[in-house]
Amino acid sequence: MTGSGDSASTRRRVWVICEGKHEHGGALESLIRRIMTNPDDCEFEFESWKSPRGKSRKFRSTSRGDGVLKKFVSILYDAQSLGFDRVIAGVDCDRAHGRIRSIDQAQRNDEFLIPRAFGIAIETFDAWFLADEKALSRVFSLAIETQPAPESNRDAKASMAAIRDASGVDIGLADAYARLSEIIDLDMVARRCNKGFAVWRDRVAKL
């Protein structure tokens, strides 16, 4: 008979690097659980990418790469050193398009063996939830038209707030995203956010 200790020892420890630690139990975790195979076999630990492990370290650009690349390589080092089995990162581009190249480089880094799924939301995480108008209509109890090019929206958070305010539904955006994350059509989001979400989703699915 397999004991509870044996079961716990086989669970995969997954370090999730995101915009804020508040994503634990929120929309990002919900999306990860929908995308990953056997997410119930995982233990997720969330950290802010601005200060992983609670440390504010400086990563300056040099001939070996920019600060973002160095930070993500350090995340790989930390994840492996801390005994994590996987590492996932989802951060905002926020019009700093050099981040895309840097994060892709970190994804391909072969210095560390730990499996990883690094991705970036264009321009922000909020844009992913603008991609499915049917899900928006359900959450806000309002007929909502297709939103134009989510990845070209320079202030997707403001667009989401405007939809929420027009609906009259009393809900914070974080809670709205959590509800949306459970019902949005992931294939539609991947089609409409093909530079950011589609890439990240594919990497998470392979973990």
N, C-alpha and C. Protein backbone atom coordinates (compact mmCIF):
# COMPACT_ATOMS: atom_id res chain seq x y z
N MET A 1 0.85 -1.19 0.00
CA MET A 1 0.00 0.00 0.00
C MET A 1 0.89 1.25 0.00
N THR A 2 0.52 2.21 -0.78
CA THR A 2 1.29 3.45 -0.86
C THR A 2 0.81 4.42 0.20
N GLY A 3 1.71 4.89 1.04
CA GLY A 3 1.34 5.81 2.11
C GLY A 3 1.25 7.22 1.62
N SER A 4 0.68 8.10 2.47
CA SER A 4 0.53 9.50 2.10
C SER A 4 1.88 10.16 1.92
N GLY A 5 2.90 9.69 2.69
CA GLY A 5 4.23 10.25 2.54
C GLY A 5 4.81 9.97 1.18
N ASP A 6 4.56 8.72 0.66
CA ASP A 6 5.04 8.38 -0.68
C ASP A 6 4.37 9.25 -1.72
N SER A 7 3.06 9.49 -1.53
CA SER A 7 2.32 10.32 -2.49
C SER A 7 2.87 11.73 -2.51
N ALA A 8 3.15 12.27 -1.31
CA ALA A 8 3.66 13.63 -1.23
C ALA A 8 5.03 13.75 -1.88
N SER A 9 5.84 12.68 -1.74
CA SER A 9 7.20 12.74 -2.27
C SER A 9 7.24 12.73 -3.78
N THR A 10 6.15 12.27 -4.42
CA THR A 10 6.12 12.22 -5.88
C THR A 10 5.52 13.48 -6.49
N ARG A 11 5.03 14.39 -5.68
CA ARG A 11 4.45 15.62 -6.21
C ARG A 11 5.54 16.51 -6.77
N ARG A 12 5.25 17.12 -7.91
CA ARG A 12 6.22 18.00 -8.55
C ARG A 12 6.14 19.40 -7.94
N ARG A 13 7.28 19.94 -7.57
CA ARG A 13 7.34 21.31 -7.05
C ARG A 13 7.54 22.26 -8.22
N VAL A 14 6.60 23.18 -8.38
CA VAL A 14 6.63 24.11 -9.51
C VAL A 14 6.75 25.53 -8.99
N TRP A 15 7.79 26.22 -9.40
CA TRP A 15 8.00 27.62 -9.02
C TRP A 15 7.40 28.49 -10.11
N VAL A 16 6.48 29.37 -9.73
CA VAL A 16 5.80 30.23 -10.69
C VAL A 16 6.23 31.68 -10.45
N ILE A 17 6.87 32.25 -11.45
CA ILE A 17 7.34 33.63 -11.38
C ILE A 17 6.35 34.50 -12.16
N CYS A 18 5.80 35.51 -11.51
CA CYS A 18 4.74 36.29 -12.14
C CYS A 18 4.86 37.76 -11.73
N GLU A 19 3.91 38.55 -12.17
CA GLU A 19 3.95 39.98 -11.86
C GLU A 19 3.81 40.24 -10.36
N GLY A 20 3.01 39.40 -9.68
CA GLY A 20 2.82 39.60 -8.24
C GLY A 20 2.47 38.30 -7.56
N LYS A 21 2.89 38.14 -6.30
CA LYS A 21 2.63 36.91 -5.57
C LYS A 21 1.13 36.67 -5.36
N HIS A 22 0.32 37.73 -5.52
CA HIS A 22 -1.12 37.60 -5.33
C HIS A 22 -1.73 36.66 -6.37
N GLU A 23 -0.98 36.30 -7.42
CA GLU A 23 -1.51 35.40 -8.44
C GLU A 23 -1.75 34.00 -7.89
N HIS A 24 -1.17 33.69 -6.72
CA HIS A 24 -1.43 32.39 -6.11
C HIS A 24 -2.92 32.24 -5.86
N GLY A 25 -3.51 31.20 -6.43
CA GLY A 25 -4.93 30.98 -6.29
C GLY A 25 -5.77 31.84 -7.20
N GLY A 26 -5.14 32.64 -8.04
CA GLY A 26 -5.87 33.54 -8.93
C GLY A 26 -5.88 33.07 -10.36
N ALA A 27 -6.00 34.04 -11.27
CA ALA A 27 -6.18 33.73 -12.69
C ALA A 27 -5.00 32.98 -13.28
N LEU A 28 -3.78 33.36 -12.96
CA LEU A 28 -2.63 32.70 -13.55
C LEU A 28 -2.57 31.23 -13.13
N GLU A 29 -2.79 30.97 -11.86
CA GLU A 29 -2.79 29.58 -11.41
C GLU A 29 -3.90 28.78 -12.10
N SER A 30 -5.06 29.39 -12.26
CA SER A 30 -6.17 28.71 -12.93
C SER A 30 -5.80 28.35 -14.37
N LEU A 31 -5.17 29.28 -15.09
CA LEU A 31 -4.75 29.01 -16.46
C LEU A 31 -3.72 27.88 -16.50
N ILE A 32 -2.76 27.94 -15.61
CA ILE A 32 -1.73 26.89 -15.57
C ILE A 32 -2.36 25.53 -15.34
N ARG A 33 -3.30 25.46 -14.41
CA ARG A 33 -3.95 24.18 -14.10
C ARG A 33 -4.76 23.66 -15.28
N ARG A 34 -5.33 24.55 -16.07
CA ARG A 34 -6.09 24.12 -17.25
C ARG A 34 -5.17 23.62 -18.36
N ILE A 35 -3.98 24.16 -18.42
CA ILE A 35 -3.06 23.83 -19.51
C ILE A 35 -2.18 22.63 -19.20
N MET A 36 -1.69 22.52 -17.97
CA MET A 36 -0.75 21.45 -17.60
C MET A 36 -1.42 20.09 -17.57
N THR A 37 -0.62 19.07 -17.81
CA THR A 37 -1.06 17.69 -17.62
C THR A 37 -0.89 17.34 -16.14
N ASN A 38 -1.93 16.77 -15.55
CA ASN A 38 -1.89 16.35 -14.14
C ASN A 38 -1.46 17.46 -13.18
N PRO A 39 -2.11 18.61 -13.22
CA PRO A 39 -1.72 19.70 -12.30
C PRO A 39 -1.94 19.36 -10.84
N ASP A 40 -2.84 18.42 -10.55
CA ASP A 40 -3.08 18.06 -9.15
C ASP A 40 -1.90 17.32 -8.54
N ASP A 41 -0.97 16.90 -9.39
CA ASP A 41 0.25 16.26 -8.89
C ASP A 41 1.34 17.29 -8.60
N CYS A 42 0.99 18.57 -8.69
CA CYS A 42 1.99 19.63 -8.52
C CYS A 42 1.70 20.47 -7.28
N GLU A 43 2.76 20.99 -6.71
CA GLU A 43 2.67 22.00 -5.66
C GLU A 43 3.25 23.29 -6.23
N PHE A 44 2.44 24.34 -6.26
CA PHE A 44 2.84 25.61 -6.87
C PHE A 44 3.28 26.60 -5.80
N GLU A 45 4.38 27.26 -6.06
CA GLU A 45 4.87 28.33 -5.18
C GLU A 45 5.09 29.57 -6.04
N PHE A 46 4.45 30.67 -5.65
CA PHE A 46 4.45 31.89 -6.46
C PHE A 46 5.42 32.93 -5.91
N GLU A 47 6.11 33.61 -6.83
CA GLU A 47 7.01 34.70 -6.47
C GLU A 47 6.89 35.82 -7.51
N SER A 48 7.12 37.04 -7.07
CA SER A 48 7.15 38.17 -7.99
C SER A 48 8.45 38.16 -8.77
N TRP A 49 8.35 38.41 -10.07
CA TRP A 49 9.57 38.40 -10.89
C TRP A 49 10.45 39.61 -10.60
N LYS A 50 9.85 40.62 -9.98
CA LYS A 50 10.64 41.82 -9.66
C LYS A 50 11.62 41.56 -8.53
N SER A 51 11.30 40.59 -7.67
CA SER A 51 12.21 40.26 -6.57
C SER A 51 12.06 38.80 -6.18
N PRO A 52 12.45 37.88 -7.08
CA PRO A 52 12.34 36.46 -6.75
C PRO A 52 13.13 36.12 -5.49
N ARG A 53 12.55 35.25 -4.67
CA ARG A 53 13.13 34.87 -3.37
C ARG A 53 13.16 36.06 -2.42
N GLY A 54 12.36 37.11 -2.72
CA GLY A 54 12.29 38.25 -1.83
C GLY A 54 13.50 39.14 -1.86
N LYS A 55 14.37 38.92 -2.86
CA LYS A 55 15.60 39.71 -2.94
C LYS A 55 15.52 40.71 -4.07
N SER A 56 15.96 41.90 -3.82
CA SER A 56 16.01 42.93 -4.85
C SER A 56 17.44 42.99 -5.38
N ARG A 57 17.69 42.22 -6.44
CA ARG A 57 19.03 42.16 -7.02
C ARG A 57 19.06 42.95 -8.32
N LYS A 58 20.21 43.53 -8.61
CA LYS A 58 20.37 44.33 -9.82
C LYS A 58 20.99 43.47 -10.92
N PHE A 59 20.38 43.51 -12.10
CA PHE A 59 20.91 42.78 -13.25
C PHE A 59 21.11 43.77 -14.37
N ARG A 60 22.36 44.12 -14.61
CA ARG A 60 22.66 45.16 -15.60
C ARG A 60 23.06 44.54 -16.93
N SER A 61 22.79 45.28 -18.00
CA SER A 61 23.14 44.82 -19.34
C SER A 61 24.66 44.82 -19.52
N THR A 62 25.16 43.74 -20.13
CA THR A 62 26.57 43.65 -20.50
C THR A 62 26.63 42.99 -21.87
N SER A 63 27.83 42.71 -22.34
CA SER A 63 27.98 42.05 -23.63
C SER A 63 27.40 40.65 -23.63
N ARG A 64 27.17 40.08 -22.45
CA ARG A 64 26.62 38.72 -22.35
C ARG A 64 25.10 38.71 -22.32
N GLY A 65 24.48 39.88 -22.33
CA GLY A 65 23.02 39.91 -22.34
C GLY A 65 22.49 41.05 -21.49
N ASP A 66 21.19 41.32 -21.67
CA ASP A 66 20.60 42.41 -20.90
C ASP A 66 20.17 41.94 -19.52
N GLY A 67 19.65 42.89 -18.74
CA GLY A 67 19.27 42.58 -17.37
C GLY A 67 18.16 41.56 -17.26
N VAL A 68 17.20 41.58 -18.21
CA VAL A 68 16.09 40.63 -18.16
C VAL A 68 16.59 39.21 -18.38
N LEU A 69 17.45 39.03 -19.38
CA LEU A 69 18.02 37.70 -19.63
C LEU A 69 18.77 37.21 -18.40
N LYS A 70 19.58 38.07 -17.82
CA LYS A 70 20.35 37.66 -16.64
C LYS A 70 19.43 37.29 -15.48
N LYS A 71 18.35 38.05 -15.31
CA LYS A 71 17.42 37.75 -14.22
C LYS A 71 16.78 36.38 -14.43
N PHE A 72 16.39 36.07 -15.66
CA PHE A 72 15.73 34.79 -15.91
C PHE A 72 16.71 33.62 -15.83
N VAL A 73 17.95 33.85 -16.20
CA VAL A 73 18.95 32.80 -16.01
C VAL A 73 19.18 32.57 -14.52
N SER A 74 19.17 33.65 -13.74
CA SER A 74 19.33 33.50 -12.29
C SER A 74 18.13 32.76 -11.69
N ILE A 75 16.96 32.95 -12.28
CA ILE A 75 15.77 32.22 -11.82
C ILE A 75 15.96 30.72 -12.04
N LEU A 76 16.54 30.35 -13.18
CA LEU A 76 16.83 28.94 -13.44
C LEU A 76 17.80 28.39 -12.39
N TYR A 77 18.83 29.17 -12.11
CA TYR A 77 19.82 28.75 -11.10
C TYR A 77 19.14 28.57 -9.74
N ASP A 78 18.35 29.57 -9.34
CA ASP A 78 17.68 29.50 -8.04
C ASP A 78 16.71 28.32 -7.98
N ALA A 79 15.93 28.13 -9.05
CA ALA A 79 14.94 27.05 -9.06
C ALA A 79 15.62 25.70 -8.89
N GLN A 80 16.72 25.51 -9.60
CA GLN A 80 17.44 24.24 -9.50
C GLN A 80 18.07 24.08 -8.12
N SER A 81 18.64 25.15 -7.59
CA SER A 81 19.29 25.10 -6.27
C SER A 81 18.28 24.83 -5.16
N LEU A 82 17.06 25.35 -5.32
CA LEU A 82 16.03 25.20 -4.29
C LEU A 82 15.26 23.89 -4.41
N GLY A 83 15.59 23.08 -5.40
CA GLY A 83 14.97 21.77 -5.52
C GLY A 83 13.63 21.74 -6.22
N PHE A 84 13.32 22.78 -6.99
CA PHE A 84 12.08 22.75 -7.76
C PHE A 84 12.24 21.79 -8.94
N ASP A 85 11.11 21.22 -9.37
CA ASP A 85 11.12 20.30 -10.50
C ASP A 85 10.80 20.99 -11.82
N ARG A 86 10.10 22.10 -11.74
CA ARG A 86 9.71 22.87 -12.92
C ARG A 86 9.72 24.35 -12.54
N VAL A 87 9.84 25.22 -13.54
CA VAL A 87 9.68 26.65 -13.29
C VAL A 87 8.86 27.24 -14.44
N ILE A 88 7.87 28.04 -14.06
CA ILE A 88 7.00 28.72 -15.02
C ILE A 88 7.11 30.21 -14.76
N ALA A 89 7.18 30.99 -15.83
CA ALA A 89 7.17 32.45 -15.67
C ALA A 89 6.21 33.06 -16.67
N GLY A 90 5.41 33.98 -16.20
CA GLY A 90 4.51 34.73 -17.07
C GLY A 90 4.53 36.19 -16.64
N VAL A 91 5.13 37.04 -17.46
CA VAL A 91 5.27 38.46 -17.10
C VAL A 91 4.80 39.34 -18.25
N ASP A 92 4.62 40.61 -17.95
CA ASP A 92 4.14 41.57 -18.95
C ASP A 92 5.27 42.08 -19.83
N CYS A 93 4.95 42.29 -21.11
CA CYS A 93 5.88 42.97 -22.01
C CYS A 93 5.88 44.46 -21.70
N ASP A 94 4.67 45.02 -21.59
CA ASP A 94 4.50 46.42 -21.19
C ASP A 94 5.33 47.36 -22.06
N ARG A 95 5.29 47.10 -23.36
CA ARG A 95 5.93 47.92 -24.40
C ARG A 95 7.46 47.87 -24.35
N ALA A 96 8.02 46.97 -23.55
CA ALA A 96 9.48 46.77 -23.54
C ALA A 96 9.77 45.53 -24.38
N HIS A 97 9.73 45.69 -25.69
CA HIS A 97 9.73 44.52 -26.58
C HIS A 97 11.04 43.76 -26.59
N GLY A 98 12.10 44.34 -26.07
CA GLY A 98 13.34 43.60 -25.93
C GLY A 98 13.20 42.43 -24.97
N ARG A 99 12.19 42.50 -24.09
CA ARG A 99 11.97 41.41 -23.13
C ARG A 99 11.63 40.11 -23.86
N ILE A 100 10.94 40.21 -24.98
CA ILE A 100 10.54 39.00 -25.71
C ILE A 100 11.78 38.21 -26.11
N ARG A 101 12.73 38.88 -26.72
CA ARG A 101 13.96 38.22 -27.14
C ARG A 101 14.72 37.65 -25.94
N SER A 102 14.80 38.42 -24.88
CA SER A 102 15.55 37.98 -23.69
C SER A 102 14.92 36.75 -23.05
N ILE A 103 13.60 36.75 -22.95
CA ILE A 103 12.91 35.62 -22.33
C ILE A 103 13.01 34.38 -23.22
N ASP A 104 12.95 34.56 -24.53
CA ASP A 104 13.14 33.43 -25.44
C ASP A 104 14.55 32.85 -25.30
N GLN A 105 15.53 33.71 -25.12
CA GLN A 105 16.91 33.24 -24.92
C GLN A 105 17.02 32.43 -23.63
N ALA A 106 16.37 32.90 -22.57
CA ALA A 106 16.39 32.17 -21.30
C ALA A 106 15.67 30.83 -21.43
N GLN A 107 14.61 30.80 -22.23
CA GLN A 107 13.89 29.55 -22.46
C GLN A 107 14.82 28.52 -23.11
N ARG A 108 15.69 28.98 -24.00
CA ARG A 108 16.59 28.07 -24.73
C ARG A 108 17.89 27.78 -23.98
N ASN A 109 18.13 28.46 -22.88
CA ASN A 109 19.39 28.30 -22.15
C ASN A 109 19.64 26.84 -21.79
N ASP A 110 20.84 26.35 -22.10
CA ASP A 110 21.15 24.94 -21.84
C ASP A 110 22.14 24.74 -20.70
N GLU A 111 22.40 25.79 -19.93
CA GLU A 111 23.28 25.65 -18.76
C GLU A 111 22.59 24.89 -17.64
N PHE A 112 21.25 24.96 -17.60
CA PHE A 112 20.48 24.33 -16.54
C PHE A 112 19.49 23.35 -17.16
N LEU A 113 19.33 22.20 -16.51
CA LEU A 113 18.49 21.14 -17.06
C LEU A 113 17.03 21.26 -16.64
N ILE A 114 16.74 22.10 -15.65
CA ILE A 114 15.38 22.17 -15.13
C ILE A 114 14.40 22.56 -16.24
N PRO A 115 13.30 21.81 -16.41
CA PRO A 115 12.28 22.18 -17.40
C PRO A 115 11.66 23.52 -17.04
N ARG A 116 11.42 24.31 -18.06
CA ARG A 116 10.85 25.64 -17.82
C ARG A 116 9.87 26.03 -18.92
N ALA A 117 8.96 26.93 -18.55
CA ALA A 117 8.01 27.51 -19.51
C ALA A 117 8.00 29.01 -19.25
N PHE A 118 8.81 29.73 -20.00
CA PHE A 118 8.89 31.18 -19.85
C PHE A 118 8.04 31.83 -20.94
N GLY A 119 7.27 32.83 -20.56
CA GLY A 119 6.43 33.51 -21.54
C GLY A 119 6.18 34.94 -21.16
N ILE A 120 5.60 35.66 -22.10
CA ILE A 120 5.38 37.09 -21.90
C ILE A 120 4.02 37.48 -22.47
N ALA A 121 3.29 38.29 -21.74
CA ALA A 121 1.99 38.78 -22.20
C ALA A 121 2.19 40.10 -22.93
N ILE A 122 1.58 40.22 -24.10
CA ILE A 122 1.72 41.43 -24.92
C ILE A 122 0.36 42.14 -24.99
N GLU A 123 0.25 43.38 -24.55
CA GLU A 123 1.31 44.05 -23.82
C GLU A 123 1.28 43.68 -22.32
N THR A 124 0.08 43.31 -21.85
CA THR A 124 -0.04 42.92 -20.45
C THR A 124 -0.96 41.71 -20.32
N PHE A 125 -0.87 41.07 -19.15
CA PHE A 125 -1.69 39.91 -18.81
C PHE A 125 -3.17 40.18 -19.06
N ASP A 126 -3.61 41.41 -18.83
CA ASP A 126 -5.02 41.78 -18.99
C ASP A 126 -5.53 41.49 -20.40
N ALA A 127 -4.64 41.61 -21.40
CA ALA A 127 -5.05 41.46 -22.79
C ALA A 127 -5.61 40.07 -23.08
N TRP A 128 -5.10 39.06 -22.40
CA TRP A 128 -5.57 37.70 -22.66
C TRP A 128 -7.07 37.57 -22.40
N PHE A 129 -7.58 38.34 -21.44
CA PHE A 129 -8.98 38.21 -21.07
C PHE A 129 -9.91 39.03 -21.96
N LEU A 130 -9.33 39.83 -22.84
CA LEU A 130 -10.12 40.56 -23.83
C LEU A 130 -10.39 39.73 -25.07
N ALA A 131 -9.74 38.58 -25.18
CA ALA A 131 -9.76 37.81 -26.42
C ALA A 131 -11.04 37.01 -26.65
N ASP A 132 -11.79 36.74 -25.60
CA ASP A 132 -12.99 35.90 -25.72
C ASP A 132 -14.21 36.69 -25.26
N GLU A 133 -14.93 37.24 -26.22
CA GLU A 133 -16.08 38.09 -25.87
C GLU A 133 -17.23 37.30 -25.26
N LYS A 134 -17.34 36.01 -25.58
CA LYS A 134 -18.40 35.20 -24.99
C LYS A 134 -18.16 35.02 -23.49
N ALA A 135 -16.93 34.78 -23.13
CA ALA A 135 -16.60 34.65 -21.70
C ALA A 135 -16.82 35.98 -20.98
N LEU A 136 -16.42 37.07 -21.62
CA LEU A 136 -16.65 38.40 -21.05
C LEU A 136 -18.14 38.64 -20.83
N SER A 137 -18.95 38.27 -21.81
CA SER A 137 -20.39 38.47 -21.71
C SER A 137 -20.98 37.68 -20.54
N ARG A 138 -20.47 36.47 -20.32
CA ARG A 138 -20.98 35.64 -19.22
C ARG A 138 -20.61 36.23 -17.86
N VAL A 139 -19.37 36.63 -17.72
CA VAL A 139 -18.91 37.12 -16.42
C VAL A 139 -19.56 38.46 -16.07
N PHE A 140 -19.74 39.31 -17.08
CA PHE A 140 -20.27 40.65 -16.81
C PHE A 140 -21.76 40.80 -17.12
N SER A 141 -22.41 39.68 -17.49
CA SER A 141 -23.86 39.69 -17.76
C SER A 141 -24.25 40.83 -18.69
N LEU A 142 -23.48 40.97 -19.76
CA LEU A 142 -23.66 42.06 -20.70
C LEU A 142 -23.21 41.58 -22.08
N ALA A 143 -23.97 41.93 -23.11
CA ALA A 143 -23.58 41.56 -24.47
C ALA A 143 -22.36 42.39 -24.88
N ILE A 144 -21.24 41.72 -25.04
CA ILE A 144 -19.99 42.41 -25.34
C ILE A 144 -19.49 42.01 -26.72
N GLU A 145 -19.16 42.99 -27.52
CA GLU A 145 -18.69 42.73 -28.87
C GLU A 145 -17.24 42.27 -28.85
N THR A 146 -16.81 41.67 -29.96
CA THR A 146 -15.42 41.25 -30.10
C THR A 146 -14.50 42.45 -29.91
N GLN A 147 -13.53 42.30 -29.03
CA GLN A 147 -12.59 43.38 -28.75
C GLN A 147 -11.46 43.35 -29.79
N PRO A 148 -11.09 44.49 -30.34
CA PRO A 148 -10.07 44.51 -31.39
C PRO A 148 -8.68 44.15 -30.87
N ALA A 149 -7.96 43.37 -31.66
CA ALA A 149 -6.54 43.02 -31.48
C ALA A 149 -6.01 43.20 -30.06
N PRO A 150 -6.28 42.25 -29.17
CA PRO A 150 -5.86 42.42 -27.77
C PRO A 150 -4.37 42.72 -27.60
N GLU A 151 -3.52 42.11 -28.42
CA GLU A 151 -2.08 42.31 -28.25
C GLU A 151 -1.61 43.69 -28.72
N SER A 152 -2.49 44.40 -29.41
CA SER A 152 -2.15 45.76 -29.85
C SER A 152 -2.72 46.81 -28.90
N ASN A 153 -3.46 46.36 -27.91
CA ASN A 153 -4.08 47.27 -26.94
C ASN A 153 -3.01 47.77 -25.96
N ARG A 154 -2.77 49.07 -25.95
CA ARG A 154 -1.71 49.63 -25.11
C ARG A 154 -2.12 49.79 -23.65
N ASP A 155 -3.41 49.64 -23.37
CA ASP A 155 -3.87 49.73 -21.98
C ASP A 155 -5.05 48.78 -21.80
N ALA A 156 -4.75 47.49 -21.86
CA ALA A 156 -5.80 46.47 -21.76
C ALA A 156 -6.49 46.51 -20.40
N LYS A 157 -5.77 46.89 -19.37
CA LYS A 157 -6.38 46.98 -18.04
C LYS A 157 -7.48 48.03 -18.03
N ALA A 158 -7.24 49.17 -18.67
CA ALA A 158 -8.26 50.21 -18.74
C ALA A 158 -9.45 49.74 -19.54
N SER A 159 -9.21 48.97 -20.60
CA SER A 159 -10.31 48.44 -21.41
C SER A 159 -11.16 47.47 -20.59
N MET A 160 -10.50 46.63 -19.80
CA MET A 160 -11.24 45.71 -18.94
C MET A 160 -12.04 46.47 -17.89
N ALA A 161 -11.45 47.50 -17.32
CA ALA A 161 -12.15 48.29 -16.31
C ALA A 161 -13.37 48.98 -16.91
N ALA A 162 -13.24 49.43 -18.16
CA ALA A 162 -14.37 50.10 -18.83
C ALA A 162 -15.51 49.12 -19.06
N ILE A 163 -15.18 47.88 -19.45
CA ILE A 163 -16.21 46.86 -19.64
C ILE A 163 -16.90 46.56 -18.31
N ARG A 164 -16.11 46.40 -17.27
CA ARG A 164 -16.66 46.13 -15.94
C ARG A 164 -17.57 47.26 -15.47
N ASP A 165 -17.13 48.50 -15.66
CA ASP A 165 -17.91 49.64 -15.21
C ASP A 165 -19.21 49.76 -15.99
N ALA A 166 -19.15 49.48 -17.30
CA ALA A 166 -20.35 49.56 -18.13
C ALA A 166 -21.37 48.50 -17.73
N SER A 167 -20.88 47.37 -17.23
CA SER A 167 -21.78 46.28 -16.86
C SER A 167 -22.50 46.54 -15.55
N GLY A 168 -21.89 47.35 -14.69
CA GLY A 168 -22.48 47.60 -13.38
C GLY A 168 -22.25 46.48 -12.39
N VAL A 169 -21.49 45.46 -12.79
CA VAL A 169 -21.20 44.35 -11.89
C VAL A 169 -20.15 44.79 -10.87
N ASP A 170 -20.43 44.54 -9.60
CA ASP A 170 -19.53 44.96 -8.52
C ASP A 170 -18.48 43.87 -8.31
N ILE A 171 -17.36 44.01 -9.00
CA ILE A 171 -16.31 43.01 -8.92
C ILE A 171 -14.96 43.66 -9.21
N GLY A 172 -13.95 43.28 -8.48
CA GLY A 172 -12.61 43.76 -8.76
C GLY A 172 -12.05 43.04 -9.98
N LEU A 173 -11.09 43.65 -10.63
CA LEU A 173 -10.54 43.03 -11.84
C LEU A 173 -9.85 41.71 -11.54
N ALA A 174 -9.16 41.60 -10.42
CA ALA A 174 -8.49 40.33 -10.09
C ALA A 174 -9.51 39.20 -9.98
N ASP A 175 -10.65 39.48 -9.34
CA ASP A 175 -11.70 38.46 -9.23
C ASP A 175 -12.33 38.17 -10.59
N ALA A 176 -12.49 39.21 -11.40
CA ALA A 176 -13.04 39.01 -12.74
C ALA A 176 -12.12 38.13 -13.57
N TYR A 177 -10.82 38.38 -13.49
CA TYR A 177 -9.86 37.56 -14.23
C TYR A 177 -9.89 36.11 -13.74
N ALA A 178 -10.04 35.93 -12.43
CA ALA A 178 -10.10 34.57 -11.89
C ALA A 178 -11.31 33.82 -12.46
N ARG A 179 -12.45 34.50 -12.56
CA ARG A 179 -13.64 33.86 -13.14
C ARG A 179 -13.45 33.60 -14.63
N LEU A 180 -12.90 34.58 -15.32
CA LEU A 180 -12.68 34.43 -16.76
C LEU A 180 -11.71 33.30 -17.05
N SER A 181 -10.69 33.16 -16.22
CA SER A 181 -9.67 32.14 -16.47
C SER A 181 -10.24 30.73 -16.44
N GLU A 182 -11.38 30.56 -15.78
CA GLU A 182 -11.99 29.24 -15.69
C GLU A 182 -12.83 28.90 -16.91
N ILE A 183 -13.22 29.91 -17.70
CA ILE A 183 -14.16 29.65 -18.79
C ILE A 183 -13.70 30.13 -20.16
N ILE A 184 -12.65 30.94 -20.24
CA ILE A 184 -12.25 31.44 -21.56
C ILE A 184 -11.84 30.28 -22.46
N ASP A 185 -12.09 30.47 -23.74
CA ASP A 185 -11.72 29.49 -24.76
C ASP A 185 -10.22 29.65 -25.01
N LEU A 186 -9.44 28.69 -24.54
CA LEU A 186 -7.98 28.81 -24.64
C LEU A 186 -7.49 28.81 -26.08
N ASP A 187 -8.20 28.09 -26.95
CA ASP A 187 -7.80 28.08 -28.36
C ASP A 187 -8.03 29.45 -28.99
N MET A 188 -9.14 30.08 -28.62
CA MET A 188 -9.41 31.42 -29.15
C MET A 188 -8.37 32.42 -28.64
N VAL A 189 -8.04 32.33 -27.36
CA VAL A 189 -7.04 33.24 -26.81
C VAL A 189 -5.70 33.03 -27.52
N ALA A 190 -5.36 31.78 -27.80
CA ALA A 190 -4.11 31.49 -28.49
C ALA A 190 -4.11 32.06 -29.90
N ARG A 191 -5.25 32.00 -30.57
CA ARG A 191 -5.33 32.56 -31.93
C ARG A 191 -5.21 34.08 -31.92
N ARG A 192 -5.87 34.71 -30.95
CA ARG A 192 -5.92 36.17 -30.94
C ARG A 192 -4.72 36.79 -30.22
N CYS A 193 -4.05 36.02 -29.40
CA CYS A 193 -2.84 36.48 -28.71
C CYS A 193 -1.71 35.51 -29.07
N ASN A 194 -1.44 35.42 -30.37
CA ASN A 194 -0.53 34.38 -30.85
C ASN A 194 0.94 34.66 -30.57
N LYS A 195 1.29 35.91 -30.31
CA LYS A 195 2.69 36.22 -30.03
C LYS A 195 3.05 35.97 -28.57
N GLY A 196 2.06 36.12 -27.69
CA GLY A 196 2.33 35.96 -26.27
C GLY A 196 1.71 34.70 -25.69
N PHE A 197 0.38 34.68 -25.58
CA PHE A 197 -0.28 33.56 -24.91
C PHE A 197 -0.02 32.24 -25.61
N ALA A 198 -0.10 32.20 -26.94
CA ALA A 198 0.06 30.94 -27.66
C ALA A 198 1.42 30.31 -27.39
N VAL A 199 2.45 31.13 -27.37
CA VAL A 199 3.81 30.63 -27.12
C VAL A 199 3.92 30.10 -25.69
N TRP A 200 3.44 30.88 -24.74
CA TRP A 200 3.50 30.49 -23.33
C TRP A 200 2.68 29.22 -23.08
N ARG A 201 1.49 29.16 -23.65
CA ARG A 201 0.62 27.99 -23.47
C ARG A 201 1.31 26.73 -23.97
N ASP A 202 1.93 26.81 -25.13
CA ASP A 202 2.61 25.65 -25.70
C ASP A 202 3.74 25.18 -24.78
N ARG A 203 4.46 26.12 -24.22
CA ARG A 203 5.58 25.75 -23.33
C ARG A 203 5.07 25.13 -22.04
N VAL A 204 3.99 25.68 -21.47
CA VAL A 204 3.43 25.13 -20.24
C VAL A 204 2.90 23.73 -20.48
N ALA A 205 2.25 23.53 -21.62
CA ALA A 205 1.66 22.22 -21.93
C ALA A 205 2.71 21.12 -22.04
N LYS A 206 3.94 21.50 -22.37
CA LYS A 206 5.01 20.51 -22.54
C LYS A 206 5.71 20.14 -21.24
N LEU A 207 5.38 20.82 -20.15
CA LEU A 207 6.04 20.52 -18.88
C LEU A 207 5.57 19.17 -18.31
